[in-house]
Amino acid sequence: QVELVESGGGLVQPGGSLRLSCAAPRFTFSTYTMNWYHEAPGKRREWVADIGVMGSTNYADSVKGRFTISRDNLENTVYLQMTSLKPADTGVYYCFGGGLWGQGTQVTVSS
């Protein structure tokens, strides 16, 4: 069964950092653009960042300069380094690529 598995979420204080991971062990990872999405409580899921097969990146305005997306094609893993976290960053973060969604990982930014 092909799947994407996120990890790395947790509780962090405002201004803190987290690194999310999305592993795709049985997926032809290197041929797809990979994305991260954010679903805040009570809101719709929104796109956060993507990374192309050659490493080009794009970011939502709300995270530009704070978040960094990267990928390791040998490890079939995509990362989201999150810094200067704000309470508005709270929610579930999902990995998406090749038509597949992960199960999500919860991030809570609170003092």
Protein backbone atom coordinates (compact mmCIF):
# COMPACT_ATOMS: atom_id res chain seq x y z
CA GLN A 1 0.00 0.00 0.00
CA VAL A 2 1.40 3.35 -1.05
CA GLU A 3 1.26 5.99 1.64
CA LEU A 4 2.76 9.19 2.89
CA VAL A 5 3.60 9.36 6.59
CA GLU A 6 4.08 12.69 8.35
CA SER A 7 5.85 13.18 11.65
CA GLY A 8 7.49 15.89 13.73
CA GLY A 9 4.51 17.83 14.99
CA GLY A 10 4.06 18.87 18.59
CA LEU A 11 3.55 21.69 21.03
CA VAL A 12 5.87 24.69 20.73
CA GLN A 13 5.91 28.20 22.15
CA PRO A 14 5.48 31.24 19.89
CA GLY A 15 8.77 32.02 18.22
CA GLY A 16 9.86 28.41 18.38
CA SER A 17 10.76 25.95 15.64
CA LEU A 18 9.74 22.52 14.44
CA ARG A 19 10.78 20.30 11.57
CA LEU A 20 8.11 18.18 9.92
CA SER A 21 8.94 15.11 7.87
CA CYS A 22 6.95 13.25 5.25
CA ALA A 23 8.22 9.80 4.33
CA ALA A 24 7.10 7.88 1.28
CA PRO A 25 8.78 4.48 1.50
CA ARG A 26 6.83 2.77 -1.31
CA PHE A 27 6.34 5.72 -3.64
CA THR A 28 8.25 6.92 -6.72
CA PHE A 29 8.96 10.04 -4.76
CA SER A 30 11.58 11.65 -6.96
CA THR A 31 9.26 12.15 -9.93
CA TYR A 32 6.67 14.29 -8.15
CA THR A 33 6.35 17.80 -6.88
CA MET A 34 5.70 17.52 -3.15
CA ASN A 35 3.54 19.86 -1.13
CA TRP A 36 2.70 20.79 2.43
CA TYR A 37 -0.77 21.98 3.42
CA HIS A 38 -2.08 23.47 6.66
CA GLU A 39 -5.54 23.01 8.12
CA ALA A 40 -6.20 25.40 10.97
CA PRO A 41 -9.00 24.58 13.44
CA GLY A 42 -12.36 25.27 11.83
CA LYS A 43 -10.82 26.38 8.54
CA ARG A 44 -10.25 24.81 5.15
CA ARG A 45 -7.01 23.15 4.22
CA GLU A 46 -4.60 25.60 2.59
CA TRP A 47 -1.44 25.17 0.59
CA VAL A 48 1.76 26.16 2.37
CA ALA A 49 4.71 25.24 0.18
CA ASP A 50 5.88 23.01 -2.64
CA ILE A 51 9.13 21.68 -4.00
CA GLY A 52 9.67 20.51 -7.56
CA VAL A 53 11.58 17.48 -8.71
CA MET A 54 14.67 19.61 -9.33
CA GLY A 55 14.35 21.42 -6.01
CA SER A 56 12.61 24.65 -6.97
CA THR A 57 10.41 25.95 -4.17
CA ASN A 58 7.33 28.09 -3.69
CA TYR A 59 5.73 29.41 -0.52
CA ALA A 60 2.50 30.94 0.63
CA ASP A 61 2.92 34.58 1.63
CA SER A 62 1.99 33.74 5.21
CA VAL A 63 5.07 31.53 5.69
CA LYS A 64 7.59 33.11 3.34
CA GLY A 65 10.84 33.78 5.16
CA ARG A 66 9.85 31.54 8.09
CA PHE A 67 9.36 28.08 6.59
CA THR A 68 11.71 26.10 4.36
CA ILE A 69 10.71 23.06 2.33
CA SER A 70 13.34 20.56 1.26
CA ARG A 71 13.55 17.02 -0.04
CA ASP A 72 15.85 14.03 0.08
CA ASN A 73 15.12 11.85 -2.92
CA LEU A 74 17.40 9.06 -1.71
CA GLU A 75 15.46 8.84 1.55
CA ASN A 76 12.08 9.48 -0.14
CA THR A 77 11.40 12.20 2.40
CA VAL A 78 10.25 15.81 2.22
CA TYR A 79 10.76 18.22 5.11
CA LEU A 80 9.22 21.44 6.33
CA GLN A 81 11.45 23.46 8.61
CA MET A 82 9.24 25.87 10.53
CA THR A 83 10.73 28.82 12.42
CA SER A 84 9.36 31.91 14.14
CA LEU A 85 6.15 30.01 14.74
CA LYS A 86 2.97 31.92 15.52
CA PRO A 87 -0.30 30.82 17.12
CA ALA A 88 -1.88 31.16 13.65
CA ASP A 89 0.38 28.31 12.50
CA THR A 90 -1.52 25.93 14.77
CA GLY A 91 -3.30 23.11 13.01
CA VAL A 92 -2.75 19.88 11.16
CA TYR A 93 -0.05 19.78 8.50
CA TYR A 94 -0.48 17.43 5.57
CA CYS A 95 1.92 16.20 2.95
CA PHE A 96 0.60 15.81 -0.60
CA GLY A 97 2.17 14.47 -3.75
CA GLY A 98 1.42 12.17 -6.66
CA GLY A 99 -2.27 12.26 -5.81
CA LEU A 100 -1.66 11.00 -2.27
CA TRP A 101 -2.32 12.63 1.09
CA GLY A 102 -0.67 11.75 4.34
CA GLN A 103 -2.59 11.37 7.59
CA GLY A 104 -1.37 14.70 8.95
CA THR A 105 0.65 15.80 11.96
CA GLN A 106 -0.61 18.21 14.62
CA VAL A 107 1.26 21.43 15.34
CA THR A 108 0.21 23.56 18.30
CA VAL A 109 1.82 26.95 18.90
CA SER A 110 0.91 28.20 22.32
CA SER A 111 2.46 29.66 25.43
